[in-house]
Amino acid sequence: MSATAPASATPPLPPASTTASGGKPGSPVAGFFIDLGIAIVALFGLSLLSGLIWGLYRGAVVGSEAVRQGNAVDASALAQQLGQPGALAQIVMALVATGGTALLLYFLRRRADTGERNASLQAARRPSTWGWTLLVATGVVIGSNLIAYLAKQAGIEPVPTNLALMEQALTRFPWFLALFAVVLAPAYEELLFRRVLFGRLWQGGRMWLGMLLSSLAFALIHEIPGTSANGPWEIAQLWLVYGGMGAAFAWLYQRTGTLWAPIVAHGLNNAIALAALVFLGLH
């Protein structure tokens, strides 16, 4: 594989967009942060919307159950009766929020044209594309486990924020969890972080900066400080793992010229992690 030239020495993307007046191309760095800002607002908004929809649904269920039993609905105890979203609801809400954000950014800001889609399909037909994909997926798994091993020797053992959710979903909805973790999540995460965010700077000739910034964003969304019991060193280790994963997938996207490569590599990584959780109880 190393004897061949990169499949996309120049990005398989349309030329950098120009202003509405036909002036100079906009700054790719500014475009990146505009994309990121839209993504944050959309993610927050869709999370609130999906949470509201779940609350209305649960309220209707609790209310109808109370009416059926002939009991009055106690407003003071309503919040306790509603409870918290279960594993399935949380996964669906994450799918709506993050997947919806990825699709919004793609169609609003980074939609592929016919030429790019054709180039991507041609790249997907090359055997070398899948050789690189397997190589990167293997490297990500080995690298992540090596980082975890070295950190453990130093007494650093973080617990991923989503571990409890994954374990709960695994016992009740294993096939849906597998579909989500191996197919759906890799697809929309690669669309958002590699196609939209990394692709913006790659297209503008700032590949290494794009790799850095998109990987930082990828790490942050997977481990947000204050949302778990992890301390600073544990969070730093998780950021290193997720950031390295994001950088590897961005490099694979650039090397092969098709987004299908990092999607498959991401799916393979998640499949191995899920299998380890099932058979070995590892995380």
C-alpha atoms as a PDB file:
ATOM      1  CA  MET A   1       0.000   0.000   0.000  1.00  0.00           C
ATOM      2  CA  SER A   2       2.829   2.386   0.785  1.00  0.00           C
ATOM      3  CA  ALA A   3       4.074   2.186  -2.784  1.00  0.00           C
ATOM      4  CA  THR A   4       1.020   3.981  -4.117  1.00  0.00           C
ATOM      5  CA  ALA A   5       0.449   7.705  -4.045  1.00  0.00           C
ATOM      6  CA  PRO A   6      -2.296   9.032  -1.761  1.00  0.00           C
ATOM      7  CA  ALA A   7      -5.682   8.530  -3.330  1.00  0.00           C
ATOM      8  CA  SER A   8      -6.437  12.199  -2.749  1.00  0.00           C
ATOM      9  CA  ALA A   9      -3.250  14.242  -2.878  1.00  0.00           C
ATOM     10  CA  THR A  10      -5.621  17.135  -3.453  1.00  0.00           C
ATOM     11  CA  PRO A  11      -8.920  17.109  -1.562  1.00  0.00           C
ATOM     12  CA  PRO A  12     -11.827  15.515  -3.448  1.00  0.00           C
ATOM     13  CA  LEU A  13     -13.829  18.595  -2.521  1.00  0.00           C
ATOM     14  CA  PRO A  14     -15.162  21.558  -4.507  1.00  0.00           C
ATOM     15  CA  PRO A  15     -13.063  24.746  -4.544  1.00  0.00           C
ATOM     16  CA  ALA A  16     -13.314  26.952  -1.476  1.00  0.00           C
ATOM     17  CA  SER A  17     -16.571  28.874  -1.474  1.00  0.00           C
ATOM     18  CA  THR A  18     -16.582  32.541  -2.328  1.00  0.00           C
ATOM     19  CA  THR A  19     -18.624  35.375  -0.955  1.00  0.00           C
ATOM     20  CA  ALA A  20     -22.041  36.166  -2.382  1.00  0.00           C
ATOM     21  CA  SER A  21     -20.567  39.094  -4.305  1.00  0.00           C
ATOM     22  CA  GLY A  22     -18.006  36.843  -5.964  1.00  0.00           C
ATOM     23  CA  GLY A  23     -15.145  38.233  -3.912  1.00  0.00           C
ATOM     24  CA  LYS A  24     -12.215  36.491  -2.253  1.00  0.00           C
ATOM     25  CA  PRO A  25     -12.756  33.078  -0.692  1.00  0.00           C
ATOM     26  CA  GLY A  26     -13.754  33.188   2.967  1.00  0.00           C
ATOM     27  CA  SER A  27     -11.285  32.204   5.676  1.00  0.00           C
ATOM     28  CA  PRO A  28     -11.398  28.428   6.248  1.00  0.00           C
ATOM     29  CA  VAL A  29     -10.615  28.978   9.945  1.00  0.00           C
ATOM     30  CA  ALA A  30     -13.529  31.391  10.316  1.00  0.00           C
ATOM     31  CA  GLY A  31     -15.713  28.928   8.406  1.00  0.00           C
ATOM     32  CA  PHE A  32     -14.658  26.156  10.787  1.00  0.00           C
ATOM     33  CA  PHE A  33     -15.674  28.122  13.863  1.00  0.00           C
ATOM     34  CA  ILE A  34     -18.941  29.168  12.238  1.00  0.00           C
ATOM     35  CA  ASP A  35     -19.641  25.489  11.551  1.00  0.00           C
ATOM     36  CA  LEU A  36     -18.672  24.620  15.120  1.00  0.00           C
ATOM     37  CA  GLY A  37     -20.889  27.355  16.553  1.00  0.00           C
ATOM     38  CA  ILE A  38     -23.870  26.207  14.503  1.00  0.00           C
ATOM     39  CA  ALA A  39     -23.187  22.628  15.611  1.00  0.00           C
ATOM     40  CA  ILE A  40     -23.145  23.604  19.304  1.00  0.00           C
ATOM     41  CA  VAL A  41     -26.386  25.561  19.033  1.00  0.00           C
ATOM     42  CA  ALA A  42     -28.084  22.809  17.030  1.00  0.00           C
ATOM     43  CA  LEU A  43     -26.869  20.079  19.385  1.00  0.00           C
ATOM     44  CA  PHE A  44     -28.117  21.989  22.430  1.00  0.00           C
ATOM     45  CA  GLY A  45     -31.427  22.840  20.782  1.00  0.00           C
ATOM     46  CA  LEU A  46     -32.123  19.321  19.526  1.00  0.00           C
ATOM     47  CA  SER A  47     -31.181  17.887  22.922  1.00  0.00           C
ATOM     48  CA  LEU A  48     -33.694  20.191  24.604  1.00  0.00           C
ATOM     49  CA  LEU A  49     -36.346  19.388  21.988  1.00  0.00           C
ATOM     50  CA  SER A  50     -35.897  15.626  22.279  1.00  0.00           C
ATOM     51  CA  GLY A  51     -35.942  15.912  26.087  1.00  0.00           C
ATOM     52  CA  LEU A  52     -39.158  17.934  25.913  1.00  0.00           C
ATOM     53  CA  ILE A  53     -40.782  15.382  23.618  1.00  0.00           C
ATOM     54  CA  TRP A  54     -39.800  12.574  25.994  1.00  0.00           C
ATOM     55  CA  GLY A  55     -41.194  14.550  28.954  1.00  0.00           C
ATOM     56  CA  LEU A  56     -44.495  15.133  27.169  1.00  0.00           C
ATOM     57  CA  TYR A  57     -44.707  11.449  26.268  1.00  0.00           C
ATOM     58  CA  ARG A  58     -43.981  10.342  29.835  1.00  0.00           C
ATOM     59  CA  GLY A  59     -46.442  12.891  31.173  1.00  0.00           C
ATOM     60  CA  ALA A  60     -49.150  11.518  28.903  1.00  0.00           C
ATOM     61  CA  VAL A  61     -48.360   7.947  30.019  1.00  0.00           C
ATOM     62  CA  VAL A  62     -48.416   8.863  33.714  1.00  0.00           C
ATOM     63  CA  GLY A  63     -51.592  10.894  33.300  1.00  0.00           C
ATOM     64  CA  SER A  64     -53.459   8.201  31.397  1.00  0.00           C
ATOM     65  CA  GLU A  65     -52.390   5.578  33.937  1.00  0.00           C
ATOM     66  CA  ALA A  66     -53.671   7.754  36.794  1.00  0.00           C
ATOM     67  CA  VAL A  67     -56.991   8.300  35.011  1.00  0.00           C
ATOM     68  CA  ARG A  68     -57.321   4.579  34.302  1.00  0.00           C
ATOM     69  CA  GLN A  69     -56.832   3.796  37.978  1.00  0.00           C
ATOM     70  CA  GLY A  70     -59.126   6.630  39.024  1.00  0.00           C
ATOM     71  CA  ASN A  71     -56.372   8.486  40.894  1.00  0.00           C
ATOM     72  CA  ALA A  72     -55.775  12.216  40.866  1.00  0.00           C
ATOM     73  CA  VAL A  73     -52.457  13.358  39.408  1.00  0.00           C
ATOM     74  CA  ASP A  74     -50.432  14.960  42.198  1.00  0.00           C
ATOM     75  CA  ALA A  75     -48.505  17.823  40.619  1.00  0.00           C
ATOM     76  CA  SER A  76     -45.928  17.847  43.409  1.00  0.00           C
ATOM     77  CA  ALA A  77     -45.096  14.188  42.786  1.00  0.00           C
ATOM     78  CA  LEU A  78     -45.322  14.382  38.999  1.00  0.00           C
ATOM     79  CA  ALA A  79     -41.576  14.859  38.489  1.00  0.00           C
ATOM     80  CA  GLN A  80     -40.841  11.785  40.584  1.00  0.00           C
ATOM     81  CA  GLN A  81     -43.426   9.778  38.665  1.00  0.00           C
ATOM     82  CA  LEU A  82     -41.945  10.831  35.345  1.00  0.00           C
ATOM     83  CA  GLY A  83     -38.525   9.525  36.338  1.00  0.00           C
ATOM     84  CA  GLN A  84     -35.443   9.709  34.122  1.00  0.00           C
ATOM     85  CA  PRO A  85     -35.114   8.572  30.487  1.00  0.00           C
ATOM     86  CA  GLY A  86     -34.110   4.945  30.231  1.00  0.00           C
ATOM     87  CA  ALA A  87     -31.273   3.559  28.133  1.00  0.00           C
ATOM     88  CA  LEU A  88     -33.314   3.260  24.952  1.00  0.00           C
ATOM     89  CA  ALA A  89     -34.713   6.787  25.293  1.00  0.00           C
ATOM     90  CA  GLN A  90     -31.249   8.235  25.943  1.00  0.00           C
ATOM     91  CA  ILE A  91     -29.787   6.523  22.892  1.00  0.00           C
ATOM     92  CA  VAL A  92     -32.648   7.705  20.684  1.00  0.00           C
ATOM     93  CA  MET A  93     -32.259  11.245  22.062  1.00  0.00           C
ATOM     94  CA  ALA A  94     -28.521  11.157  21.315  1.00  0.00           C
ATOM     95  CA  LEU A  95     -29.280   9.907  17.813  1.00  0.00           C
ATOM     96  CA  VAL A  96     -31.764  12.739  17.222  1.00  0.00           C
ATOM     97  CA  ALA A  97     -29.496  15.432  18.673  1.00  0.00           C
ATOM     98  CA  THR A  98     -26.109  14.488  17.226  1.00  0.00           C
ATOM     99  CA  GLY A  99     -27.378  12.859  14.045  1.00  0.00           C
ATOM    100  CA  GLY A 100     -29.713  15.773  13.391  1.00  0.00           C
ATOM    101  CA  THR A 101     -26.873  18.231  13.941  1.00  0.00           C
ATOM    102  CA  ALA A 102     -24.627  16.355  11.513  1.00  0.00           C
ATOM    103  CA  LEU A 103     -27.299  16.302   8.802  1.00  0.00           C
ATOM    104  CA  LEU A 104     -28.148  19.980   9.351  1.00  0.00           C
ATOM    105  CA  LEU A 105     -24.500  21.054   8.998  1.00  0.00           C
ATOM    106  CA  TYR A 106     -23.960  18.804   5.998  1.00  0.00           C
ATOM    107  CA  PHE A 107     -26.939  20.079   4.009  1.00  0.00           C
ATOM    108  CA  LEU A 108     -26.608  23.669   5.182  1.00  0.00           C
ATOM    109  CA  ARG A 109     -22.849  24.154   4.911  1.00  0.00           C
ATOM    110  CA  ARG A 110     -20.934  21.223   3.370  1.00  0.00           C
ATOM    111  CA  ARG A 111     -23.146  19.351   0.921  1.00  0.00           C
ATOM    112  CA  ALA A 112     -21.205  17.207  -1.565  1.00  0.00           C
ATOM    113  CA  ASP A 113     -21.592  17.849  -5.279  1.00  0.00           C
ATOM    114  CA  THR A 114     -21.763  15.219  -8.014  1.00  0.00           C
ATOM    115  CA  GLY A 115     -18.007  15.322  -8.619  1.00  0.00           C
ATOM    116  CA  GLU A 116     -17.160  14.649  -4.997  1.00  0.00           C
ATOM    117  CA  ARG A 117     -19.670  11.812  -4.727  1.00  0.00           C
ATOM    118  CA  ASN A 118     -18.225  10.181  -7.853  1.00  0.00           C
ATOM    119  CA  ALA A 119     -14.669  10.558  -6.533  1.00  0.00           C
ATOM    120  CA  SER A 120     -15.724   9.005  -3.242  1.00  0.00           C
ATOM    121  CA  LEU A 121     -17.320   6.021  -4.987  1.00  0.00           C
ATOM    122  CA  GLN A 122     -14.211   5.498  -7.124  1.00  0.00           C
ATOM    123  CA  ALA A 123     -12.040   5.560  -4.015  1.00  0.00           C
ATOM    124  CA  ALA A 124     -14.359   3.062  -2.319  1.00  0.00           C
ATOM    125  CA  ARG A 125     -13.789   0.628  -5.202  1.00  0.00           C
ATOM    126  CA  ARG A 126     -10.012   0.569  -4.686  1.00  0.00           C
ATOM    127  CA  PRO A 127      -8.758  -2.397  -2.642  1.00  0.00           C
ATOM    128  CA  SER A 128      -6.068  -0.183  -1.119  1.00  0.00           C
ATOM    129  CA  THR A 129      -8.799   1.924   0.514  1.00  0.00           C
ATOM    130  CA  TRP A 130      -9.910  -1.020   2.608  1.00  0.00           C
ATOM    131  CA  GLY A 131      -6.357  -2.071   3.327  1.00  0.00           C
ATOM    132  CA  TRP A 132      -5.713   1.373   4.837  1.00  0.00           C
ATOM    133  CA  THR A 133      -9.034   1.172   6.674  1.00  0.00           C
ATOM    134  CA  LEU A 134      -8.116  -2.106   8.369  1.00  0.00           C
ATOM    135  CA  LEU A 135      -4.657  -0.774   9.171  1.00  0.00           C
ATOM    136  CA  VAL A 136      -5.977   2.400  10.793  1.00  0.00           C
ATOM    137  CA  ALA A 137      -8.731   0.552  12.689  1.00  0.00           C
ATOM    138  CA  THR A 138      -6.135  -1.878  14.056  1.00  0.00           C
ATOM    139  CA  GLY A 139      -3.810   0.981  14.982  1.00  0.00           C
ATOM    140  CA  VAL A 140      -6.591   2.816  16.814  1.00  0.00           C
ATOM    141  CA  VAL A 141      -7.501  -0.269  18.861  1.00  0.00           C
ATOM    142  CA  ILE A 142      -3.859  -1.006  19.751  1.00  0.00           C
ATOM    143  CA  GLY A 143      -3.075   2.642  20.487  1.00  0.00           C
ATOM    144  CA  SER A 144      -6.153   3.133  22.693  1.00  0.00           C
ATOM    145  CA  ASN A 145      -5.377   0.020  24.712  1.00  0.00           C
ATOM    146  CA  LEU A 146      -1.714   0.968  25.039  1.00  0.00           C
ATOM    147  CA  ILE A 147      -2.650   4.402  26.381  1.00  0.00           C
ATOM    148  CA  ALA A 148      -5.099   2.788  28.821  1.00  0.00           C
ATOM    149  CA  TYR A 149      -2.436   0.293  29.973  1.00  0.00           C
ATOM    150  CA  LEU A 150       0.209   2.973  30.553  1.00  0.00           C
ATOM    151  CA  ALA A 151      -2.280   5.196  32.358  1.00  0.00           C
ATOM    152  CA  LYS A 152      -3.307   2.312  34.590  1.00  0.00           C
ATOM    153  CA  GLN A 153       0.317   1.821  35.612  1.00  0.00           C
ATOM    154  CA  ALA A 154       0.246   5.434  36.794  1.00  0.00           C
ATOM    155  CA  GLY A 155      -2.960   4.860  38.730  1.00  0.00           C
ATOM    156  CA  ILE A 156      -5.203   6.600  36.191  1.00  0.00           C
ATOM    157  CA  GLU A 157      -8.333   4.577  35.457  1.00  0.00           C
ATOM    158  CA  PRO A 158     -11.133   6.712  33.992  1.00  0.00           C
ATOM    159  CA  VAL A 159     -14.694   5.537  33.561  1.00  0.00           C
ATOM    160  CA  PRO A 160     -16.160   6.690  30.223  1.00  0.00           C
ATOM    161  CA  THR A 161     -19.252   8.855  30.684  1.00  0.00           C
ATOM    162  CA  ASN A 162     -21.399   6.565  28.537  1.00  0.00           C
ATOM    163  CA  LEU A 163     -20.306   3.274  30.131  1.00  0.00           C
ATOM    164  CA  ALA A 164     -23.284   2.921  32.487  1.00  0.00           C
ATOM    165  CA  LEU A 165     -25.667   3.681  29.628  1.00  0.00           C
ATOM    166  CA  MET A 166     -23.986   1.100  27.403  1.00  0.00           C
ATOM    167  CA  GLU A 167     -24.133  -1.568  30.100  1.00  0.00           C
ATOM    168  CA  GLN A 168     -27.822  -0.875  30.755  1.00  0.00           C
ATOM    169  CA  ALA A 169     -28.666  -0.913  27.048  1.00  0.00           C
ATOM    170  CA  LEU A 170     -26.654  -4.101  26.564  1.00  0.00           C
ATOM    171  CA  THR A 171     -28.838  -6.036  28.974  1.00  0.00           C
ATOM    172  CA  ARG A 172     -32.170  -4.822  27.561  1.00  0.00           C
ATOM    173  CA  PHE A 173     -31.631  -3.781  23.932  1.00  0.00           C
ATOM    174  CA  PRO A 174     -28.460  -5.529  22.706  1.00  0.00           C
ATOM    175  CA  TRP A 175     -29.342  -5.559  19.002  1.00  0.00           C
ATOM    176  CA  PHE A 176     -30.402  -1.926  18.954  1.00  0.00           C
ATOM    177  CA  LEU A 177     -27.235  -0.979  20.842  1.00  0.00           C
ATOM    178  CA  ALA A 178     -25.145  -2.861  18.280  1.00  0.00           C
ATOM    179  CA  LEU A 179     -26.914  -1.091  15.415  1.00  0.00           C
ATOM    180  CA  PHE A 180     -26.415   2.274  17.090  1.00  0.00           C
ATOM    181  CA  ALA A 181     -22.769   1.791  18.110  1.00  0.00           C
ATOM    182  CA  VAL A 182     -21.495   0.025  14.989  1.00  0.00           C
ATOM    183  CA  VAL A 183     -23.544   1.659  12.211  1.00  0.00           C
ATOM    184  CA  LEU A 184     -25.470   4.798  13.150  1.00  0.00           C
ATOM    185  CA  ALA A 185     -23.078   6.607  15.506  1.00  0.00           C
ATOM    186  CA  PRO A 186     -19.995   6.135  13.259  1.00  0.00           C
ATOM    187  CA  ALA A 187     -21.962   7.424  10.253  1.00  0.00           C
ATOM    188  CA  TYR A 188     -23.199  10.662  11.779  1.00  0.00           C
ATOM    189  CA  GLU A 189     -20.035  11.337  13.792  1.00  0.00           C
ATOM    190  CA  GLU A 190     -17.837  10.966  10.729  1.00  0.00           C
ATOM    191  CA  LEU A 191     -20.234  13.144   8.737  1.00  0.00           C
ATOM    192  CA  LEU A 192     -20.019  15.903  11.345  1.00  0.00           C
ATOM    193  CA  PHE A 193     -16.424  15.748  12.528  1.00  0.00           C
ATOM    194  CA  ARG A 194     -14.613  14.578   9.409  1.00  0.00           C
ATOM    195  CA  ARG A 195     -16.761  15.668   6.442  1.00  0.00           C
ATOM    196  CA  VAL A 196     -17.955  19.001   7.851  1.00  0.00           C
ATOM    197  CA  LEU A 197     -15.409  20.215  10.412  1.00  0.00           C
ATOM    198  CA  PHE A 198     -12.161  18.626   9.202  1.00  0.00           C
ATOM    199  CA  GLY A 199     -13.232  18.936   5.565  1.00  0.00           C
ATOM    200  CA  ARG A 200     -13.697  22.702   5.910  1.00  0.00           C
ATOM    201  CA  LEU A 201     -10.022  23.272   6.765  1.00  0.00           C
ATOM    202  CA  TRP A 202      -8.757  20.500   4.505  1.00  0.00           C
ATOM    203  CA  GLN A 203     -10.525  22.143   1.589  1.00  0.00           C
ATOM    204  CA  GLY A 204      -8.933  25.467   2.561  1.00  0.00           C
ATOM    205  CA  GLY A 205      -5.404  23.998   2.549  1.00  0.00           C
ATOM    206  CA  ARG A 206      -5.120  23.754   6.370  1.00  0.00           C
ATOM    207  CA  MET A 207      -5.202  19.999   6.734  1.00  0.00           C
ATOM    208  CA  TRP A 208      -3.081  19.692   9.875  1.00  0.00           C
ATOM    209  CA  LEU A 209      -4.945  22.467  11.657  1.00  0.00           C
ATOM    210  CA  GLY A 210      -8.219  20.841  10.636  1.00  0.00           C
ATOM    211  CA  MET A 211      -7.023  17.517  11.989  1.00  0.00           C
ATOM    212  CA  LEU A 212      -6.098  19.143  15.310  1.00  0.00           C
ATOM    213  CA  LEU A 213      -9.231  21.235  15.815  1.00  0.00           C
ATOM    214  CA  SER A 214     -11.737  18.618  14.651  1.00  0.00           C
ATOM    215  CA  SER A 215     -10.075  15.994  16.865  1.00  0.00           C
ATOM    216  CA  LEU A 216     -10.276  18.330  19.877  1.00  0.00           C
ATOM    217  CA  ALA A 217     -13.977  18.844  19.211  1.00  0.00           C
ATOM    218  CA  PHE A 218     -14.439  15.073  18.794  1.00  0.00           C
ATOM    219  CA  ALA A 219     -12.714  14.421  22.137  1.00  0.00           C
ATOM    220  CA  LEU A 220     -14.686  17.105  23.958  1.00  0.00           C
ATOM    221  CA  ILE A 221     -18.116  15.865  22.879  1.00  0.00           C
ATOM    222  CA  HIS A 222     -17.247  12.374  24.110  1.00  0.00           C
ATOM    223  CA  GLU A 223     -16.022  13.505  27.538  1.00  0.00           C
ATOM    224  CA  ILE A 224     -17.383  16.835  28.757  1.00  0.00           C
ATOM    225  CA  PRO A 225     -15.811  17.986  32.051  1.00  0.00           C
ATOM    226  CA  GLY A 226     -18.267  18.001  34.927  1.00  0.00           C
ATOM    227  CA  THR A 227     -20.548  15.324  33.503  1.00  0.00           C
ATOM    228  CA  SER A 228     -18.823  12.418  35.250  1.00  0.00           C
ATOM    229  CA  ALA A 229     -16.819  11.609  38.355  1.00  0.00           C
ATOM    230  CA  ASN A 230     -13.558  11.577  36.386  1.00  0.00           C
ATOM    231  CA  GLY A 231     -10.802  13.847  37.642  1.00  0.00           C
ATOM    232  CA  PRO A 232      -8.482  16.019  35.506  1.00  0.00           C
ATOM    233  CA  TRP A 233      -5.995  13.234  34.756  1.00  0.00           C
ATOM    234  CA  GLU A 234      -8.732  10.765  33.869  1.00  0.00           C
ATOM    235  CA  ILE A 235     -10.351  13.309  31.567  1.00  0.00           C
ATOM    236  CA  ALA A 236      -6.969  14.042  29.978  1.00  0.00           C
ATOM    237  CA  GLN A 237      -6.475  10.339  29.254  1.00  0.00           C
ATOM    238  CA  LEU A 238      -9.896  10.031  27.633  1.00  0.00           C
ATOM    239  CA  TRP A 239      -9.257  13.171  25.573  1.00  0.00           C
ATOM    240  CA  LEU A 240      -5.960  11.681  24.411  1.00  0.00           C
ATOM    241  CA  VAL A 241      -7.709   8.470  23.332  1.00  0.00           C
ATOM    242  CA  TYR A 242     -10.618  10.192  21.597  1.00  0.00           C
ATOM    243  CA  GLY A 243      -8.418  12.889  20.101  1.00  0.00           C
ATOM    244  CA  GLY A 244      -6.015  10.306  18.702  1.00  0.00           C
ATOM    245  CA  MET A 245      -8.934   8.369  17.286  1.00  0.00           C
ATOM    246  CA  GLY A 246     -10.294  11.506  15.614  1.00  0.00           C
ATOM    247  CA  ALA A 247      -6.904  12.371  14.124  1.00  0.00           C
ATOM    248  CA  ALA A 248      -6.475   8.832  12.783  1.00  0.00           C
ATOM    249  CA  PHE A 249      -9.883   8.893  11.109  1.00  0.00           C
ATOM    250  CA  ALA A 250      -9.219  12.345   9.622  1.00  0.00           C
ATOM    251  CA  TRP A 251      -5.906  11.103   8.195  1.00  0.00           C
ATOM    252  CA  LEU A 252      -7.679   8.045   6.763  1.00  0.00           C
ATOM    253  CA  TYR A 253     -10.286  10.272   5.115  1.00  0.00           C
ATOM    254  CA  GLN A 254      -7.554  12.366   3.503  1.00  0.00           C
ATOM    255  CA  ARG A 255      -5.473   9.331   2.532  1.00  0.00           C
ATOM    256  CA  THR A 256      -8.266   7.403   0.841  1.00  0.00           C
ATOM    257  CA  GLY A 257     -10.465  10.236  -0.448  1.00  0.00           C
ATOM    258  CA  THR A 258     -13.735   8.685   0.708  1.00  0.00           C
ATOM    259  CA  LEU A 259     -15.700   9.204   3.920  1.00  0.00           C
ATOM    260  CA  TRP A 260     -16.744   5.547   3.795  1.00  0.00           C
ATOM    261  CA  ALA A 261     -13.252   4.571   4.970  1.00  0.00           C
ATOM    262  CA  PRO A 262     -13.351   6.374   8.363  1.00  0.00           C
ATOM    263  CA  ILE A 263     -16.994   5.357   8.829  1.00  0.00           C
ATOM    264  CA  VAL A 264     -16.032   1.685   8.482  1.00  0.00           C
ATOM    265  CA  ALA A 265     -12.892   2.095  10.633  1.00  0.00           C
ATOM    266  CA  HIS A 266     -14.953   3.843  13.305  1.00  0.00           C
ATOM    267  CA  GLY A 267     -17.567   1.092  13.168  1.00  0.00           C
ATOM    268  CA  LEU A 268     -14.912  -1.606  13.516  1.00  0.00           C
ATOM    269  CA  ASN A 269     -13.421   0.152  16.541  1.00  0.00           C
ATOM    270  CA  ASN A 270     -16.832   0.401  18.197  1.00  0.00           C
ATOM    271  CA  ALA A 271     -17.619  -3.218  17.363  1.00  0.00           C
ATOM    272  CA  ILE A 272     -14.411  -4.397  19.036  1.00  0.00           C
ATOM    273  CA  ALA A 273     -15.075  -2.210  22.090  1.00  0.00           C
ATOM    274  CA  LEU A 274     -18.627  -3.556  22.333  1.00  0.00           C
ATOM    275  CA  ALA A 275     -17.431  -7.140  21.976  1.00  0.00           C
ATOM    276  CA  ALA A 276     -14.875  -6.572  24.736  1.00  0.00           C
ATOM    277  CA  LEU A 277     -17.639  -5.208  26.966  1.00  0.00           C
ATOM    278  CA  VAL A 278     -19.829  -8.231  26.247  1.00  0.00           C
ATOM    279  CA  PHE A 279     -17.283 -11.016  26.534  1.00  0.00           C
ATOM    280  CA  LEU A 280     -14.574  -9.566  28.789  1.00  0.00           C
ATOM    281  CA  GLY A 281     -16.346  -6.855  30.756  1.00  0.00           C
ATOM    282  CA  LEU A 282     -13.719  -4.337  29.597  1.00  0.00           C
ATOM    283  CA  HIS A 283     -14.079  -0.661  28.842  1.00  0.00           C
END
